[in-house]
C-alpha atoms as a PDB file:
ATOM      1  CA  MET A   1     -49.077  32.897   1.680  1.00  0.00           C
ATOM      2  CA  ARG A   2     -50.954  30.124  -0.023  1.00  0.00           C
ATOM      3  CA  SER A   3     -49.409  26.985  -1.523  1.00  0.00           C
ATOM      4  CA  THR A   4     -50.236  26.228  -5.156  1.00  0.00           C
ATOM      5  CA  GLY A   5     -49.004  22.648  -4.990  1.00  0.00           C
ATOM      6  CA  MET A   6     -46.836  23.316  -8.076  1.00  0.00           C
ATOM      7  CA  THR A   7     -43.089  22.688  -8.097  1.00  0.00           C
ATOM      8  CA  ARG A   8     -40.444  23.602 -10.645  1.00  0.00           C
ATOM      9  CA  LYS A   9     -36.687  23.014 -10.787  1.00  0.00           C
ATOM     10  CA  ILE A  10     -34.113  25.688 -11.494  1.00  0.00           C
ATOM     11  CA  ASP A  11     -32.291  24.920 -14.763  1.00  0.00           C
ATOM     12  CA  ASP A  12     -28.516  24.949 -15.405  1.00  0.00           C
ATOM     13  CA  LEU A  13     -28.617  28.687 -16.151  1.00  0.00           C
ATOM     14  CA  GLY A  14     -30.459  29.512 -12.923  1.00  0.00           C
ATOM     15  CA  ARG A  15     -33.829  30.070 -14.598  1.00  0.00           C
ATOM     16  CA  LEU A  16     -37.185  29.141 -13.185  1.00  0.00           C
ATOM     17  CA  SER A  17     -40.307  28.590 -15.274  1.00  0.00           C
ATOM     18  CA  ILE A  18     -43.540  29.997 -13.842  1.00  0.00           C
ATOM     19  CA  PRO A  19     -46.468  27.741 -14.822  1.00  0.00           C
ATOM     20  CA  ILE A  20     -48.950  29.179 -17.343  1.00  0.00           C
ATOM     21  CA  GLU A  21     -51.858  28.569 -14.971  1.00  0.00           C
ATOM     22  CA  LEU A  22     -50.230  30.769 -12.345  1.00  0.00           C
ATOM     23  CA  ARG A  23     -49.288  33.462 -14.902  1.00  0.00           C
ATOM     24  CA  ARG A  24     -52.894  33.567 -16.132  1.00  0.00           C
ATOM     25  CA  THR A  25     -54.277  33.732 -12.591  1.00  0.00           C
ATOM     26  CA  MET A  26     -51.892  36.574 -11.742  1.00  0.00           C
ATOM     27  CA  GLU A  27     -52.502  38.320 -15.120  1.00  0.00           C
ATOM     28  CA  MET A  28     -48.821  38.255 -16.055  1.00  0.00           C
ATOM     29  CA  GLY A  29     -47.830  38.954 -19.655  1.00  0.00           C
ATOM     30  CA  GLU A  30     -44.876  37.508 -21.569  1.00  0.00           C
ATOM     31  CA  HIS A  31     -42.427  40.257 -20.638  1.00  0.00           C
ATOM     32  CA  GLN A  32     -43.755  41.034 -17.177  1.00  0.00           C
ATOM     33  CA  ALA A  33     -41.090  42.519 -14.903  1.00  0.00           C
ATOM     34  CA  LEU A  34     -40.896  40.999 -11.432  1.00  0.00           C
ATOM     35  CA  GLU A  35     -39.403  42.286  -8.193  1.00  0.00           C
ATOM     36  CA  ILE A  36     -37.489  39.755  -6.125  1.00  0.00           C
ATOM     37  CA  PHE A  37     -37.464  39.888  -2.325  1.00  0.00           C
ATOM     38  CA  THR A  38     -36.305  37.610   0.459  1.00  0.00           C
ATOM     39  CA  ASP A  39     -38.384  37.113   3.599  1.00  0.00           C
ATOM     40  CA  ASN A  40     -37.341  34.792   6.427  1.00  0.00           C
ATOM     41  CA  GLY A  41     -35.666  32.264   4.137  1.00  0.00           C
ATOM     42  CA  SER A  42     -38.287  32.539   1.360  1.00  0.00           C
ATOM     43  CA  ILE A  43     -37.958  34.079  -2.085  1.00  0.00           C
ATOM     44  CA  VAL A  44     -40.909  36.299  -2.940  1.00  0.00           C
ATOM     45  CA  LEU A  45     -41.769  37.394  -6.492  1.00  0.00           C
ATOM     46  CA  ARG A  46     -44.061  40.361  -7.086  1.00  0.00           C
ATOM     47  CA  LYS A  47     -45.215  42.052 -10.279  1.00  0.00           C
ATOM     48  CA  TYR A  48     -43.084  45.144 -10.711  1.00  0.00           C
ATOM     49  CA  THR A  49     -44.896  48.454 -10.794  1.00  0.00           C
ATOM     50  CA  PRO A  50     -42.551  51.427 -10.953  1.00  0.00           C
ATOM     51  CA  GLY A  51     -43.293  54.014  -8.285  1.00  0.00           C
ATOM     52  CA  CYS A  52     -41.823  56.996  -6.485  1.00  0.00           C
ATOM     53  CA  VAL A  53     -38.366  56.263  -5.062  1.00  0.00           C
ATOM     54  CA  PHE A  54     -39.344  57.952  -1.791  1.00  0.00           C
ATOM     55  CA  CYS A  55     -42.913  56.857  -1.017  1.00  0.00           C
ATOM     56  CA  GLY A  56     -43.706  54.148  -3.606  1.00  0.00           C
ATOM     57  CA  ASN A  57     -46.706  56.030  -5.024  1.00  0.00           C
ATOM     58  CA  VAL A  58     -47.430  54.833  -8.578  1.00  0.00           C
ATOM     59  CA  GLU A  59     -49.752  57.693  -9.569  1.00  0.00           C
ATOM     60  CA  ASP A  60     -48.706  61.169 -10.738  1.00  0.00           C
ATOM     61  CA  THR A  61     -45.061  60.184 -11.146  1.00  0.00           C
ATOM     62  CA  VAL A  62     -42.461  61.934 -13.291  1.00  0.00           C
ATOM     63  CA  HIS A  63     -38.853  61.155 -14.171  1.00  0.00           C
ATOM     64  CA  PHE A  64     -36.353  63.493 -12.527  1.00  0.00           C
ATOM     65  CA  LYS A  65     -32.668  62.851 -13.289  1.00  0.00           C
ATOM     66  CA  GLU A  66     -33.304  59.131 -13.945  1.00  0.00           C
ATOM     67  CA  LEU A  67     -35.411  58.779 -10.765  1.00  0.00           C
ATOM     68  CA  LEU A  68     -39.145  58.253 -10.626  1.00  0.00           C
ATOM     69  CA  MET A  69     -40.759  60.695  -8.197  1.00  0.00           C
ATOM     70  CA  CYS A  70     -44.357  61.588  -7.392  1.00  0.00           C
ATOM     71  CA  LYS A  71     -45.465  65.202  -7.500  1.00  0.00           C
ATOM     72  CA  ASP A  72     -46.098  65.268  -3.722  1.00  0.00           C
ATOM     73  CA  CYS A  73     -42.507  64.224  -2.944  1.00  0.00           C
ATOM     74  CA  ILE A  74     -41.137  66.729  -5.455  1.00  0.00           C
ATOM     75  CA  LYS A  75     -43.071  69.485  -3.645  1.00  0.00           C
ATOM     76  CA  GLU A  76     -41.739  68.264  -0.287  1.00  0.00           C
ATOM     77  CA  VAL A  77     -38.138  68.167  -1.539  1.00  0.00           C
ATOM     78  CA  LYS A  78     -38.452  71.692  -2.950  1.00  0.00           C
ATOM     79  CA  GLY A  79     -39.609  72.841   0.506  1.00  0.00           C
END
């Protein structure tokens, strides 16, 4: 990880503002969904890209009973 030197405080509602410079650098739009992870005491934010629930593949995915699955995993599940 690389430090940006930027700091922000969490407001009374628990919100955190991501600086415009960082959003532009990371090509994040106004309604960009983010995934939130924890890693050894750190909070990690990552742009959310929906993918297959089994392998994470983001290409050739279809919705199956409210789940996102790739065609390869569907073939494997079918046997």
